[in-house]
Amino acid sequence: MKSFKQFWPTIRDYILILAGASLEAISLRLFMVPAQLASGGISGISQLINHFTGWPIGLMVFIGNIPLFLLGWRLLGGRRFALRTLIAVLAFSIFTEAVLWLPFFPKNGITNDLVLNSLYGAVVSGIGYGLVYRAQGTSGGSDILARILNRWRGIPMTQSYLMTDTLVILAAGFVFGWQKALYAIIVLYVSGLVVDSTLEGTGTVRTALIVSGKCRELADRILAEMERGVTILEGTGAYTGEARSVLYCVVTRSEVQQLKTIVREADAKAFMVVGAAHEALGEGFQPFKKA
């Protein structure tokens, strides 16, 4: 019989999907709809239809996702994809209408400021989407279409999102006005940044590659003064054909300047490249068991 620990990762994923869907619904009802900001996707199309007909946005979101869901199930496959996408879409549709029944929920939003509605709407929805994606789910709509175009036509997902969401925002410009369409583009961009931060975490670290003739001395100083691990790689200069040692190490953002100082003092002729990594797991950083 399977223990609770074996089921916990799946249970945790579904909790994240429900939490993400609730944040998406709150963002839509609290910031996007009152400010008439349609940032794309099925929810944006539903906003436009609701503006003319008064039909429930949540219901239209669910109906609009049915053909895309069936298409994604057939072309993308997998029971995991189907179940998690269905739950995410269904939860978002229900929450979108359910929040209006809460006695304390401000149905007309909390501010008339377009800037505040754009920024807070983008942040809240971005966190919601990020939680759904982190749980290996999808938010349906343009997300399914983008994955299909990427897999079967080789179109990059960023371009797919751009094509589908641009059409919705363009339509919103005719309906709600071009000023609000411009703010909707800001929502689209900022929410994308927040999604990335939610998926990858805030523990951004820096990686450093150092080519030097004094690698041993540099490695000793980094180990002693910074207490950071160092890996010595063997390389060959393409132009000279000479064997060269290359140091590889990972440090926090605050330690980059200290590393530069050590390299400059030990070998002013060294070549150093500093890059960004989204996450570091292992000794000295985040343990694997907490990742």
Protein backbone atom coordinates (compact mmCIF):
# COMPACT_ATOMS: atom_id res chain seq x y z
CA MET A 1 0.00 0.00 0.00
CA LYS A 2 1.37 3.36 -0.98
CA SER A 3 2.25 5.76 1.81
CA PHE A 4 1.10 9.37 2.09
CA LYS A 5 4.60 10.56 1.14
CA GLN A 6 4.24 8.92 -2.25
CA PHE A 7 0.97 10.73 -2.91
CA TRP A 8 2.06 14.06 -1.45
CA PRO A 9 3.83 15.45 -4.59
CA THR A 10 0.64 14.92 -6.63
CA ILE A 11 -1.56 16.37 -3.89
CA ARG A 12 0.77 19.36 -3.59
CA ASP A 13 0.55 19.96 -7.34
CA TYR A 14 -3.24 20.04 -7.26
CA ILE A 15 -3.19 22.43 -4.29
CA LEU A 16 -0.88 24.72 -6.27
CA ILE A 17 -3.19 24.52 -9.30
CA LEU A 18 -6.21 25.51 -7.19
CA ALA A 19 -4.28 28.32 -5.50
CA GLY A 20 -3.03 29.57 -8.86
CA ALA A 21 -6.49 29.47 -10.42
CA SER A 22 -7.94 31.43 -7.48
CA LEU A 23 -5.29 34.14 -7.88
CA GLU A 24 -5.99 34.35 -11.61
CA ALA A 25 -9.70 34.80 -10.87
CA ILE A 26 -9.04 37.46 -8.23
CA SER A 27 -6.78 39.36 -10.60
CA LEU A 28 -9.40 39.23 -13.34
CA ARG A 29 -12.30 40.38 -11.15
CA LEU A 30 -10.43 42.84 -8.92
CA PHE A 31 -8.20 44.60 -11.46
CA MET A 32 -8.71 43.55 -15.08
CA VAL A 33 -12.48 43.62 -15.57
CA PRO A 34 -13.17 46.86 -13.65
CA ALA A 35 -10.38 48.62 -15.59
CA GLN A 36 -11.41 47.04 -18.93
CA LEU A 37 -7.98 45.54 -19.45
CA ALA A 38 -8.03 42.51 -21.77
CA SER A 39 -4.49 41.14 -21.84
CA GLY A 40 -5.13 38.23 -24.19
CA GLY A 41 -6.18 34.61 -24.21
CA ILE A 42 -9.63 33.12 -23.74
CA SER A 43 -10.25 35.28 -20.66
CA GLY A 44 -9.60 38.40 -22.74
CA ILE A 45 -12.02 37.24 -25.44
CA SER A 46 -14.58 36.44 -22.72
CA GLN A 47 -14.23 39.98 -21.37
CA LEU A 48 -15.01 41.41 -24.80
CA ILE A 49 -18.07 39.19 -25.23
CA ASN A 50 -19.24 40.01 -21.70
CA HIS A 51 -19.00 43.71 -22.50
CA PHE A 52 -21.59 43.35 -25.28
CA THR A 53 -23.79 40.53 -24.00
CA GLY A 54 -23.40 40.40 -20.21
CA TRP A 55 -22.84 36.64 -20.37
CA PRO A 56 -20.85 35.23 -17.41
CA ILE A 57 -17.11 35.45 -18.02
CA GLY A 58 -16.38 32.22 -16.13
CA LEU A 59 -18.84 30.23 -18.21
CA MET A 60 -17.45 31.60 -21.47
CA VAL A 61 -13.89 30.84 -20.36
CA PHE A 62 -14.88 27.21 -19.78
CA ILE A 63 -16.80 26.89 -23.06
CA GLY A 64 -14.02 28.59 -25.01
CA ASN A 65 -11.47 26.15 -23.62
CA ILE A 66 -13.41 23.00 -24.55
CA PRO A 67 -12.27 22.79 -28.22
CA LEU A 68 -8.70 23.74 -27.30
CA PHE A 69 -8.70 21.18 -24.49
CA LEU A 70 -9.87 18.41 -26.83
CA LEU A 71 -7.31 19.47 -29.43
CA GLY A 72 -4.54 19.52 -26.85
CA TRP A 73 -5.56 16.13 -25.48
CA ARG A 74 -5.32 14.64 -28.95
CA LEU A 75 -2.12 16.34 -30.11
CA LEU A 76 -0.19 16.79 -26.86
CA GLY A 77 -1.45 13.61 -25.22
CA GLY A 78 -1.05 12.35 -21.73
CA ARG A 79 -3.54 11.81 -18.92
CA ARG A 80 -1.53 14.14 -16.68
CA PHE A 81 -1.88 17.00 -19.16
CA ALA A 82 -5.60 16.42 -19.61
CA LEU A 83 -6.49 16.10 -15.92
CA ARG A 84 -4.40 19.00 -14.65
CA THR A 85 -5.47 21.30 -17.46
CA LEU A 86 -9.13 20.40 -16.89
CA ILE A 87 -8.87 21.12 -13.18
CA ALA A 88 -7.03 24.42 -13.78
CA VAL A 89 -9.60 25.64 -16.33
CA LEU A 90 -12.59 24.45 -14.33
CA ALA A 91 -11.30 25.99 -11.10
CA PHE A 92 -10.55 29.31 -12.80
CA SER A 93 -14.02 29.39 -14.39
CA ILE A 94 -15.77 28.62 -11.09
CA PHE A 95 -13.65 31.01 -9.01
CA THR A 96 -14.20 33.81 -11.53
CA GLU A 97 -17.94 33.74 -10.78
CA ALA A 98 -17.74 32.56 -7.15
CA VAL A 99 -15.73 35.56 -5.90
CA LEU A 100 -18.64 37.84 -6.85
CA TRP A 101 -20.78 36.10 -4.23
CA LEU A 102 -18.36 36.93 -1.42
CA PRO A 103 -19.96 39.69 0.71
CA PHE A 104 -16.67 41.51 1.25
CA PHE A 105 -15.43 41.35 -2.35
CA PRO A 106 -15.39 44.78 -4.09
CA LYS A 107 -17.25 43.97 -7.31
CA ASN A 108 -16.24 47.26 -8.97
CA GLY A 109 -12.57 46.93 -8.07
CA ILE A 110 -10.60 48.89 -5.50
CA THR A 111 -9.16 51.69 -7.65
CA ASN A 112 -9.82 53.56 -10.88
CA ASP A 113 -6.12 54.13 -11.51
CA LEU A 114 -5.12 52.31 -14.73
CA VAL A 115 -1.48 52.10 -13.68
CA LEU A 116 -2.28 50.44 -10.35
CA ASN A 117 -4.78 48.08 -11.97
CA SER A 118 -2.25 47.13 -14.65
CA LEU A 119 0.64 46.48 -12.26
CA TYR A 120 -1.28 44.69 -9.51
CA GLY A 121 -3.33 42.75 -12.02
CA ALA A 122 -0.14 41.61 -13.75
CA VAL A 123 1.60 40.63 -10.51
CA VAL A 124 -1.34 38.70 -9.03
CA SER A 125 -2.16 36.89 -12.28
CA GLY A 126 1.53 36.21 -12.93
CA ILE A 127 1.88 34.51 -9.56
CA GLY A 128 -1.26 32.51 -10.30
CA TYR A 129 -0.03 31.33 -13.70
CA GLY A 130 3.38 30.57 -12.22
CA LEU A 131 1.87 28.33 -9.54
CA VAL A 132 -0.15 26.43 -12.15
CA TYR A 133 2.91 25.94 -14.37
CA ARG A 134 5.02 24.96 -11.35
CA ALA A 135 2.51 22.21 -10.68
CA GLN A 136 3.09 20.91 -14.24
CA GLY A 137 -0.32 22.17 -15.34
CA THR A 138 -1.46 24.61 -17.99
CA SER A 139 -3.92 27.47 -17.82
CA GLY A 140 -5.66 26.39 -21.01
CA GLY A 141 -6.54 28.84 -23.78
CA SER A 142 -3.59 30.34 -25.63
CA ASP A 143 -1.24 28.21 -23.50
CA ILE A 144 -2.54 25.02 -25.17
CA LEU A 145 -2.50 26.65 -28.61
CA ALA A 146 1.09 27.83 -28.12
CA ARG A 147 2.25 24.34 -27.13
CA ILE A 148 0.51 22.81 -30.15
CA LEU A 149 2.07 25.33 -32.57
CA ASN A 150 5.46 24.77 -30.95
CA ARG A 151 5.31 20.97 -31.17
CA TRP A 152 3.68 20.54 -34.57
CA ARG A 153 4.82 23.63 -36.49
CA GLY A 154 8.09 24.45 -34.75
CA ILE A 155 6.92 27.98 -33.88
CA PRO A 156 8.63 29.21 -30.66
CA MET A 157 6.17 29.49 -27.77
CA THR A 158 7.01 33.16 -27.23
CA GLN A 159 5.98 33.91 -30.82
CA SER A 160 2.83 31.84 -30.45
CA TYR A 161 1.81 33.77 -27.34
CA LEU A 162 2.62 37.02 -29.12
CA MET A 163 0.43 36.16 -32.10
CA THR A 164 -2.61 34.99 -30.15
CA ASP A 165 -2.52 37.64 -27.43
CA THR A 166 -1.80 40.47 -29.86
CA LEU A 167 -4.99 39.69 -31.78
CA VAL A 168 -7.04 39.85 -28.57
CA ILE A 169 -5.41 43.10 -27.43
CA LEU A 170 -5.95 44.58 -30.89
CA ALA A 171 -9.66 43.73 -30.68
CA ALA A 172 -9.77 45.20 -27.16
CA GLY A 173 -8.31 48.41 -28.55
CA PHE A 174 -11.34 48.84 -30.79
CA VAL A 175 -13.76 48.04 -27.95
CA PHE A 176 -12.22 49.62 -24.83
CA GLY A 177 -9.95 52.23 -26.42
CA TRP A 178 -6.30 52.27 -27.40
CA GLN A 179 -5.04 53.70 -24.12
CA LYS A 180 -6.34 50.65 -22.27
CA ALA A 181 -4.94 48.39 -24.98
CA LEU A 182 -1.48 49.87 -24.33
CA TYR A 183 -1.87 49.21 -20.63
CA ALA A 184 -2.94 45.65 -21.47
CA ILE A 185 0.40 45.16 -23.23
CA ILE A 186 2.14 46.25 -20.01
CA VAL A 187 0.07 43.67 -18.12
CA LEU A 188 1.14 40.99 -20.59
CA TYR A 189 4.82 41.86 -20.23
CA VAL A 190 4.92 42.26 -16.45
CA SER A 191 2.89 39.10 -15.82
CA GLY A 192 5.40 37.19 -17.97
CA LEU A 193 8.25 38.40 -15.75
CA VAL A 194 6.34 37.44 -12.62
CA VAL A 195 5.60 33.98 -14.05
CA ASP A 196 9.33 33.45 -14.62
CA SER A 197 10.14 34.58 -11.07
CA THR A 198 7.48 32.30 -9.62
CA LEU A 199 8.69 29.32 -11.62
CA GLU A 200 12.41 29.84 -11.09
CA GLY A 201 12.31 31.34 -7.61
CA THR A 202 14.13 34.36 -6.30
CA GLY A 203 17.35 32.51 -5.51
CA THR A 204 19.23 33.75 -8.57
CA VAL A 205 22.95 33.07 -8.29
CA ARG A 206 25.98 33.87 -10.40
CA THR A 207 28.26 31.45 -12.20
CA ALA A 208 31.82 32.33 -13.06
CA LEU A 209 34.24 30.87 -15.62
CA ILE A 210 37.82 32.01 -15.12
CA VAL A 211 40.66 31.29 -17.55
CA SER A 212 44.00 31.92 -15.90
CA GLY A 213 47.57 30.72 -15.74
CA LYS A 214 47.31 30.80 -11.95
CA CYS A 215 44.28 28.63 -11.44
CA ARG A 216 45.69 26.80 -8.43
CA GLU A 217 46.38 30.03 -6.57
CA LEU A 218 42.94 31.40 -7.48
CA ALA A 219 41.22 28.20 -6.39
CA ASP A 220 43.01 28.21 -3.04
CA ARG A 221 41.99 31.82 -2.35
CA ILE A 222 38.35 31.23 -3.31
CA LEU A 223 38.22 28.14 -1.08
CA ALA A 224 39.86 29.90 1.85
CA GLU A 225 38.44 33.43 1.66
CA MET A 226 34.97 32.81 0.22
CA GLU A 227 34.45 29.22 1.35
CA ARG A 228 32.97 28.38 -2.04
CA GLY A 229 33.60 25.21 -4.00
CA VAL A 230 35.65 25.44 -7.19
CA THR A 231 35.99 23.02 -10.09
CA ILE A 232 39.11 23.03 -12.23
CA LEU A 233 38.38 22.14 -15.86
CA GLU A 234 40.95 21.41 -18.52
CA GLY A 235 40.63 23.36 -21.76
CA THR A 236 42.59 24.11 -24.91
CA GLY A 237 42.97 27.53 -26.50
CA ALA A 238 41.59 27.38 -30.05
CA TYR A 239 44.01 30.00 -31.36
CA THR A 240 47.22 29.00 -29.55
CA GLY A 241 46.49 25.29 -29.15
CA GLU A 242 47.89 25.52 -25.62
CA ALA A 243 46.37 23.62 -22.71
CA ARG A 244 44.69 26.00 -20.26
CA SER A 245 42.98 25.44 -16.94
CA VAL A 246 39.52 26.90 -16.40
CA LEU A 247 37.91 27.54 -13.03
CA TYR A 248 34.17 27.15 -12.56
CA CYS A 249 32.41 28.34 -9.42
CA VAL A 250 28.99 29.48 -8.25
CA VAL A 251 28.52 32.44 -5.90
CA THR A 252 25.70 34.64 -4.68
CA ARG A 253 25.11 38.05 -6.23
CA SER A 254 26.61 39.80 -3.22
CA GLU A 255 29.84 37.78 -3.57
CA VAL A 256 30.54 38.70 -7.20
CA GLN A 257 32.56 41.80 -6.30
CA GLN A 258 34.68 39.86 -3.82
CA LEU A 259 35.37 37.24 -6.50
CA LYS A 260 36.40 39.94 -8.98
CA THR A 261 38.80 41.40 -6.42
CA ILE A 262 40.44 38.02 -5.80
CA VAL A 263 40.88 37.40 -9.54
CA ARG A 264 42.28 40.89 -10.15
CA GLU A 265 44.79 40.60 -7.29
CA ALA A 266 45.90 37.06 -8.18
CA ASP A 267 46.07 37.42 -11.98
CA ALA A 268 45.28 40.73 -13.65
CA LYS A 269 45.62 39.02 -17.06
CA ALA A 270 42.92 36.44 -16.35
CA PHE A 271 39.77 36.16 -18.46
CA MET A 272 36.53 35.98 -16.50
CA VAL A 273 32.90 35.52 -17.54
CA VAL A 274 30.07 36.02 -15.03
CA GLY A 275 26.65 34.61 -15.86
CA ALA A 276 23.29 34.22 -14.13
CA ALA A 277 21.78 30.94 -12.94
CA HIS A 278 18.22 30.66 -11.70
CA GLU A 279 18.87 28.14 -8.96
CA ALA A 280 21.73 26.37 -7.20
CA LEU A 281 21.18 23.08 -5.38
CA GLY A 282 23.64 21.31 -3.17
CA GLU A 283 26.25 22.10 -0.53
CA GLY A 284 26.45 25.79 0.29
CA PHE A 285 23.12 26.56 -1.39
CA GLN A 286 19.58 25.16 -1.27
CA PRO A 287 19.40 21.48 -0.25
CA PHE A 288 17.91 19.10 -2.82
CA LYS A 289 15.31 17.87 -0.34
CA LYS A 290 13.80 21.38 -0.14
CA ALA A 291 13.89 22.07 -3.88
